[in-house]
């Protein structure tokens, strides 16, 4: 798992690449928390290069979403793969987590409010 960070229009973008499982959450968690500590409360998780995600991943997405909202911001999942999108929908989590088809759409949604 690799996490790269960038920023656009005041929105932090964390690009997750590789496999994300129980053993790989710490780097993402640390980077996400750094964003919040720096006042970057609007975060996009770019999932275009995520090749594996398990239940720990989904639990982390829910936790990160909650943390961003508690901090007065928000979090959007951008470009989730078909399997992850279908899994989130099956679990009803597409009603809890915000999904967008592109990073641009996610940034626009968060930058607007």
N, C-alpha and C. Protein backbone atom coordinates (compact mmCIF):
# COMPACT_ATOMS: atom_id res chain seq x y z
N UNK A 1 0.85 -1.18 0.00
CA UNK A 1 0.00 0.00 0.00
C UNK A 1 0.89 1.22 0.00
N UNK A 2 0.59 2.12 -0.91
CA UNK A 2 1.24 3.42 -0.96
C UNK A 2 0.18 4.49 -0.83
N UNK A 3 0.51 5.53 -0.10
CA UNK A 3 -0.38 6.67 0.03
C UNK A 3 0.39 7.89 -0.44
N UNK A 4 -0.17 8.60 -1.42
CA UNK A 4 0.43 9.86 -1.84
C UNK A 4 -0.59 10.96 -1.58
N UNK A 5 -0.07 12.10 -1.21
CA UNK A 5 -0.95 13.21 -0.82
C UNK A 5 -0.73 14.40 -1.73
N UNK A 6 -1.83 15.01 -2.12
CA UNK A 6 -1.78 16.26 -2.87
C UNK A 6 -2.93 17.13 -2.38
N UNK A 7 -3.05 18.30 -2.97
CA UNK A 7 -4.12 19.20 -2.57
C UNK A 7 -4.60 19.99 -3.77
N UNK A 8 -5.90 20.24 -3.79
CA UNK A 8 -6.49 21.04 -4.85
C UNK A 8 -7.69 21.79 -4.28
N UNK A 9 -7.74 23.08 -4.49
CA UNK A 9 -8.86 23.92 -4.04
C UNK A 9 -9.16 23.75 -2.54
N UNK A 10 -8.09 23.60 -1.75
CA UNK A 10 -8.26 23.45 -0.31
C UNK A 10 -8.71 22.07 0.13
N UNK A 11 -8.73 21.12 -0.78
CA UNK A 11 -9.16 19.75 -0.48
C UNK A 11 -7.94 18.85 -0.54
N UNK A 12 -7.72 18.07 0.51
CA UNK A 12 -6.62 17.10 0.53
C UNK A 12 -7.05 15.88 -0.28
N UNK A 13 -6.14 15.39 -1.09
CA UNK A 13 -6.41 14.20 -1.91
C UNK A 13 -5.39 13.14 -1.52
N UNK A 14 -5.88 12.02 -1.02
CA UNK A 14 -5.02 10.90 -0.66
C UNK A 14 -5.25 9.79 -1.68
N UNK A 15 -4.22 9.48 -2.43
CA UNK A 15 -4.33 8.43 -3.45
C UNK A 15 -3.81 7.13 -2.85
N UNK A 16 -4.68 6.14 -2.80
CA UNK A 16 -4.33 4.83 -2.24
C UNK A 16 -3.99 3.90 -3.39
N UNK A 17 -2.82 3.28 -3.33
CA UNK A 17 -2.39 2.38 -4.39
C UNK A 17 -1.94 1.05 -3.78
N UNK A 18 -2.40 -0.04 -4.36
CA UNK A 18 -2.00 -1.36 -3.90
C UNK A 18 -3.11 -2.03 -3.11
N UNK A 19 -2.69 -2.86 -2.17
CA UNK A 19 -3.63 -3.62 -1.35
C UNK A 19 -3.83 -2.93 -0.01
N UNK A 20 -5.05 -2.87 0.42
CA UNK A 20 -5.40 -2.22 1.67
C UNK A 20 -6.13 -3.25 2.53
N UNK A 21 -5.45 -3.73 3.56
CA UNK A 21 -6.06 -4.72 4.44
C UNK A 21 -5.72 -4.39 5.88
N UNK A 22 -5.95 -5.33 6.77
CA UNK A 22 -5.76 -5.11 8.20
C UNK A 22 -4.35 -4.63 8.55
N UNK A 23 -3.37 -5.05 7.79
CA UNK A 23 -1.98 -4.72 8.10
C UNK A 23 -1.52 -3.41 7.45
N UNK A 24 -2.33 -2.88 6.58
CA UNK A 24 -1.93 -1.72 5.79
C UNK A 24 -2.66 -0.43 6.18
N UNK A 25 -3.42 -0.45 7.24
CA UNK A 25 -4.23 0.72 7.56
C UNK A 25 -3.44 1.87 8.20
N UNK A 26 -2.34 1.58 8.85
CA UNK A 26 -1.66 2.60 9.64
C UNK A 26 -1.17 3.79 8.81
N UNK A 27 -0.59 3.54 7.65
CA UNK A 27 -0.10 4.65 6.84
C UNK A 27 -1.25 5.57 6.39
N UNK A 28 -2.34 4.97 5.99
CA UNK A 28 -3.50 5.76 5.57
C UNK A 28 -4.06 6.53 6.76
N UNK A 29 -4.21 5.86 7.88
CA UNK A 29 -4.74 6.49 9.08
C UNK A 29 -3.86 7.67 9.51
N UNK A 30 -2.54 7.46 9.51
CA UNK A 30 -1.61 8.51 9.93
C UNK A 30 -1.71 9.72 8.98
N UNK A 31 -1.72 9.46 7.68
CA UNK A 31 -1.80 10.55 6.71
C UNK A 31 -3.11 11.30 6.81
N UNK A 32 -4.20 10.57 6.99
CA UNK A 32 -5.51 11.19 7.15
C UNK A 32 -5.55 12.07 8.40
N UNK A 33 -5.04 11.56 9.50
CA UNK A 33 -5.01 12.32 10.75
C UNK A 33 -4.13 13.56 10.63
N UNK A 34 -3.02 13.46 9.89
CA UNK A 34 -2.18 14.63 9.65
C UNK A 34 -2.97 15.72 8.93
N UNK A 35 -3.76 15.32 7.97
CA UNK A 35 -4.60 16.29 7.25
C UNK A 35 -5.51 17.03 8.22
N UNK A 36 -6.18 16.27 9.08
CA UNK A 36 -7.11 16.89 10.03
C UNK A 36 -6.37 17.82 10.99
N UNK A 37 -5.21 17.40 11.48
CA UNK A 37 -4.44 18.23 12.41
C UNK A 37 -3.98 19.53 11.76
N UNK A 38 -3.74 19.48 10.45
CA UNK A 38 -3.32 20.67 9.71
C UNK A 38 -4.49 21.55 9.29
N UNK A 39 -5.69 21.14 9.68
CA UNK A 39 -6.87 21.92 9.31
C UNK A 39 -7.47 21.56 7.97
N UNK A 40 -6.97 20.51 7.36
CA UNK A 40 -7.52 20.01 6.08
C UNK A 40 -8.64 19.03 6.41
N UNK A 41 -9.84 19.56 6.55
CA UNK A 41 -10.97 18.74 6.99
C UNK A 41 -11.80 18.19 5.84
N UNK A 42 -11.45 18.59 4.63
CA UNK A 42 -12.13 18.06 3.44
C UNK A 42 -11.13 17.17 2.71
N UNK A 43 -11.47 15.88 2.62
CA UNK A 43 -10.51 14.89 2.11
C UNK A 43 -11.17 14.00 1.06
N UNK A 44 -10.45 13.80 -0.02
CA UNK A 44 -10.86 12.84 -1.05
C UNK A 44 -9.91 11.65 -0.96
N UNK A 45 -10.48 10.45 -0.90
CA UNK A 45 -9.67 9.25 -1.01
C UNK A 45 -9.81 8.76 -2.45
N UNK A 46 -8.71 8.88 -3.20
CA UNK A 46 -8.68 8.46 -4.61
C UNK A 46 -8.37 6.96 -4.63
N UNK A 47 -9.34 6.17 -5.06
CA UNK A 47 -9.23 4.72 -5.02
C UNK A 47 -8.94 4.09 -6.38
N UNK A 48 -8.57 4.88 -7.36
CA UNK A 48 -8.36 4.37 -8.72
C UNK A 48 -7.32 3.26 -8.77
N UNK A 49 -6.30 3.33 -7.92
CA UNK A 49 -5.22 2.34 -7.94
C UNK A 49 -5.29 1.35 -6.79
N UNK A 50 -6.42 1.30 -6.12
CA UNK A 50 -6.62 0.34 -5.04
C UNK A 50 -6.96 -1.01 -5.67
N UNK A 51 -6.15 -2.03 -5.41
CA UNK A 51 -6.37 -3.33 -6.06
C UNK A 51 -7.03 -4.35 -5.13
N UNK A 52 -7.01 -4.10 -3.82
CA UNK A 52 -7.64 -5.02 -2.89
C UNK A 52 -8.13 -4.25 -1.68
N UNK A 53 -9.32 -4.58 -1.24
CA UNK A 53 -9.88 -3.97 -0.03
C UNK A 53 -10.70 -5.02 0.70
N UNK A 54 -10.51 -5.14 2.00
CA UNK A 54 -11.29 -6.10 2.79
C UNK A 54 -12.21 -5.37 3.75
N UNK A 55 -12.80 -6.10 4.68
CA UNK A 55 -13.74 -5.50 5.62
C UNK A 55 -13.08 -4.45 6.51
N UNK A 56 -11.80 -4.63 6.80
CA UNK A 56 -11.08 -3.63 7.58
C UNK A 56 -11.03 -2.30 6.82
N UNK A 57 -10.87 -2.40 5.51
CA UNK A 57 -10.85 -1.22 4.66
C UNK A 57 -12.17 -0.47 4.75
N UNK A 58 -13.25 -1.21 4.62
CA UNK A 58 -14.57 -0.60 4.67
C UNK A 58 -14.82 0.03 6.04
N UNK A 59 -14.42 -0.67 7.09
CA UNK A 59 -14.57 -0.12 8.44
C UNK A 59 -13.76 1.18 8.57
N UNK A 60 -12.56 1.20 7.98
CA UNK A 60 -11.76 2.42 8.04
C UNK A 60 -12.43 3.56 7.29
N UNK A 61 -13.00 3.28 6.12
CA UNK A 61 -13.68 4.33 5.37
C UNK A 61 -14.80 4.96 6.20
N UNK A 62 -15.55 4.14 6.92
CA UNK A 62 -16.63 4.64 7.77
C UNK A 62 -16.05 5.50 8.89
N UNK A 63 -14.99 5.01 9.52
CA UNK A 63 -14.34 5.74 10.61
C UNK A 63 -13.79 7.09 10.12
N UNK A 64 -13.12 7.09 8.97
CA UNK A 64 -12.55 8.32 8.42
C UNK A 64 -13.65 9.32 8.07
N UNK A 65 -14.73 8.82 7.50
CA UNK A 65 -15.88 9.67 7.18
C UNK A 65 -16.40 10.35 8.45
N UNK A 66 -16.54 9.57 9.50
CA UNK A 66 -17.03 10.11 10.77
C UNK A 66 -16.06 11.14 11.35
N UNK A 67 -14.75 10.83 11.30
CA UNK A 67 -13.75 11.76 11.84
C UNK A 67 -13.77 13.09 11.08
N UNK A 68 -13.87 13.02 9.76
CA UNK A 68 -13.89 14.25 8.96
C UNK A 68 -15.12 15.08 9.30
N UNK A 69 -16.25 14.44 9.45
CA UNK A 69 -17.49 15.17 9.79
C UNK A 69 -17.39 15.77 11.19
N UNK A 70 -16.85 15.03 12.13
CA UNK A 70 -16.69 15.55 13.49
C UNK A 70 -15.78 16.78 13.50
N UNK A 71 -14.83 16.81 12.58
CA UNK A 71 -13.89 17.93 12.48
C UNK A 71 -14.50 19.11 11.71
N UNK A 72 -15.73 18.95 11.24
CA UNK A 72 -16.40 20.02 10.51
C UNK A 72 -16.18 19.98 9.02
N UNK A 73 -15.74 18.84 8.51
CA UNK A 73 -15.48 18.71 7.08
C UNK A 73 -16.24 17.56 6.46
N UNK A 74 -15.59 16.88 5.55
CA UNK A 74 -16.20 15.75 4.88
C UNK A 74 -15.17 14.92 4.16
N UNK A 75 -15.58 13.72 3.77
CA UNK A 75 -14.70 12.82 3.04
C UNK A 75 -15.50 12.17 1.92
N UNK A 76 -14.88 12.05 0.76
CA UNK A 76 -15.52 11.42 -0.39
C UNK A 76 -14.58 10.36 -0.95
N UNK A 77 -15.15 9.22 -1.33
CA UNK A 77 -14.41 8.16 -2.01
C UNK A 77 -14.53 8.40 -3.51
N UNK A 78 -13.40 8.56 -4.18
CA UNK A 78 -13.40 8.81 -5.62
C UNK A 78 -12.88 7.58 -6.37
N UNK A 79 -13.54 7.27 -7.46
CA UNK A 79 -13.16 6.20 -8.37
C UNK A 79 -13.03 4.82 -7.73
N UNK A 80 -14.00 4.43 -6.89
CA UNK A 80 -13.91 3.06 -6.36
C UNK A 80 -14.11 2.07 -7.51
N UNK A 81 -13.40 0.95 -7.45
CA UNK A 81 -13.56 -0.08 -8.47
C UNK A 81 -14.94 -0.70 -8.42
N UNK A 82 -15.28 -1.43 -9.47
CA UNK A 82 -16.61 -2.03 -9.57
C UNK A 82 -16.94 -2.93 -8.38
N UNK A 83 -15.97 -3.77 -7.96
CA UNK A 83 -16.24 -4.69 -6.86
C UNK A 83 -16.51 -3.93 -5.56
N UNK A 84 -15.68 -2.94 -5.26
CA UNK A 84 -15.86 -2.16 -4.04
C UNK A 84 -17.17 -1.38 -4.09
N UNK A 85 -17.46 -0.78 -5.22
CA UNK A 85 -18.72 -0.03 -5.37
C UNK A 85 -19.92 -0.95 -5.13
N UNK A 86 -19.88 -2.14 -5.72
CA UNK A 86 -20.98 -3.09 -5.57
C UNK A 86 -21.10 -3.55 -4.12
N UNK A 87 -19.97 -3.79 -3.48
CA UNK A 87 -19.98 -4.21 -2.07
C UNK A 87 -20.58 -3.12 -1.19
N UNK A 88 -20.16 -1.89 -1.38
CA UNK A 88 -20.70 -0.78 -0.59
C UNK A 88 -22.20 -0.64 -0.81
N UNK A 89 -22.63 -0.79 -2.05
CA UNK A 89 -24.05 -0.69 -2.35
C UNK A 89 -24.83 -1.83 -1.70
N UNK A 90 -24.31 -3.05 -1.79
CA UNK A 90 -24.97 -4.22 -1.20
C UNK A 90 -25.13 -4.05 0.31
N UNK A 91 -24.14 -3.47 0.94
CA UNK A 91 -24.18 -3.26 2.39
C UNK A 91 -24.97 -2.01 2.79
N UNK A 92 -25.42 -1.26 1.81
CA UNK A 92 -26.15 -0.03 2.09
C UNK A 92 -25.26 1.13 2.47
N UNK A 93 -23.95 0.93 2.34
CA UNK A 93 -23.02 1.98 2.75
C UNK A 93 -22.88 3.09 1.72
N UNK A 94 -23.43 2.88 0.52
CA UNK A 94 -23.47 3.98 -0.44
C UNK A 94 -24.42 5.07 0.02
N UNK A 95 -25.23 4.77 1.04
CA UNK A 95 -26.12 5.76 1.65
C UNK A 95 -25.43 6.52 2.79
N UNK A 96 -24.30 5.97 3.25
CA UNK A 96 -23.54 6.57 4.35
C UNK A 96 -22.32 7.30 3.82
N UNK A 97 -21.60 6.64 2.94
CA UNK A 97 -20.38 7.20 2.35
C UNK A 97 -20.72 7.86 1.01
N UNK A 98 -20.03 8.93 0.70
CA UNK A 98 -20.24 9.61 -0.57
C UNK A 98 -19.25 9.06 -1.58
N UNK A 99 -19.76 8.64 -2.73
CA UNK A 99 -18.94 8.10 -3.81
C UNK A 99 -19.03 9.02 -5.02
N UNK A 100 -17.91 9.21 -5.69
CA UNK A 100 -17.89 9.98 -6.94
C UNK A 100 -17.07 9.20 -7.97
N UNK A 101 -17.39 9.43 -9.24
CA UNK A 101 -16.72 8.73 -10.32
C UNK A 101 -15.36 9.30 -10.66
N UNK A 102 -15.06 10.51 -10.20
CA UNK A 102 -13.77 11.12 -10.50
C UNK A 102 -13.30 11.96 -9.33
N UNK A 103 -12.00 12.16 -9.27
CA UNK A 103 -11.43 13.04 -8.26
C UNK A 103 -11.93 14.46 -8.47
N UNK A 104 -12.02 14.89 -9.72
CA UNK A 104 -12.52 16.24 -10.02
C UNK A 104 -13.91 16.46 -9.43
N UNK A 105 -14.81 15.50 -9.64
CA UNK A 105 -16.17 15.62 -9.10
C UNK A 105 -16.15 15.67 -7.57
N UNK A 106 -15.30 14.86 -6.97
CA UNK A 106 -15.19 14.83 -5.51
C UNK A 106 -14.67 16.15 -4.97
N UNK A 107 -13.63 16.68 -5.61
CA UNK A 107 -13.05 17.96 -5.17
C UNK A 107 -14.10 19.06 -5.29
N UNK A 108 -14.81 19.10 -6.42
CA UNK A 108 -15.84 20.13 -6.62
C UNK A 108 -16.90 20.04 -5.55
N UNK A 109 -17.35 18.83 -5.22
CA UNK A 109 -18.38 18.66 -4.21
C UNK A 109 -17.92 19.15 -2.84
N UNK A 110 -16.68 18.85 -2.47
CA UNK A 110 -16.17 19.27 -1.16
C UNK A 110 -15.82 20.75 -1.15
N UNK A 111 -15.29 21.27 -2.23
CA UNK A 111 -14.91 22.69 -2.29
C UNK A 111 -16.16 23.58 -2.25
N UNK A 112 -17.27 23.06 -2.74
CA UNK A 112 -18.51 23.85 -2.77
C UNK A 112 -19.16 23.96 -1.40
N UNK A 113 -18.78 23.11 -0.50
CA UNK A 113 -19.42 23.25 0.80
C UNK A 113 -19.29 22.04 1.59
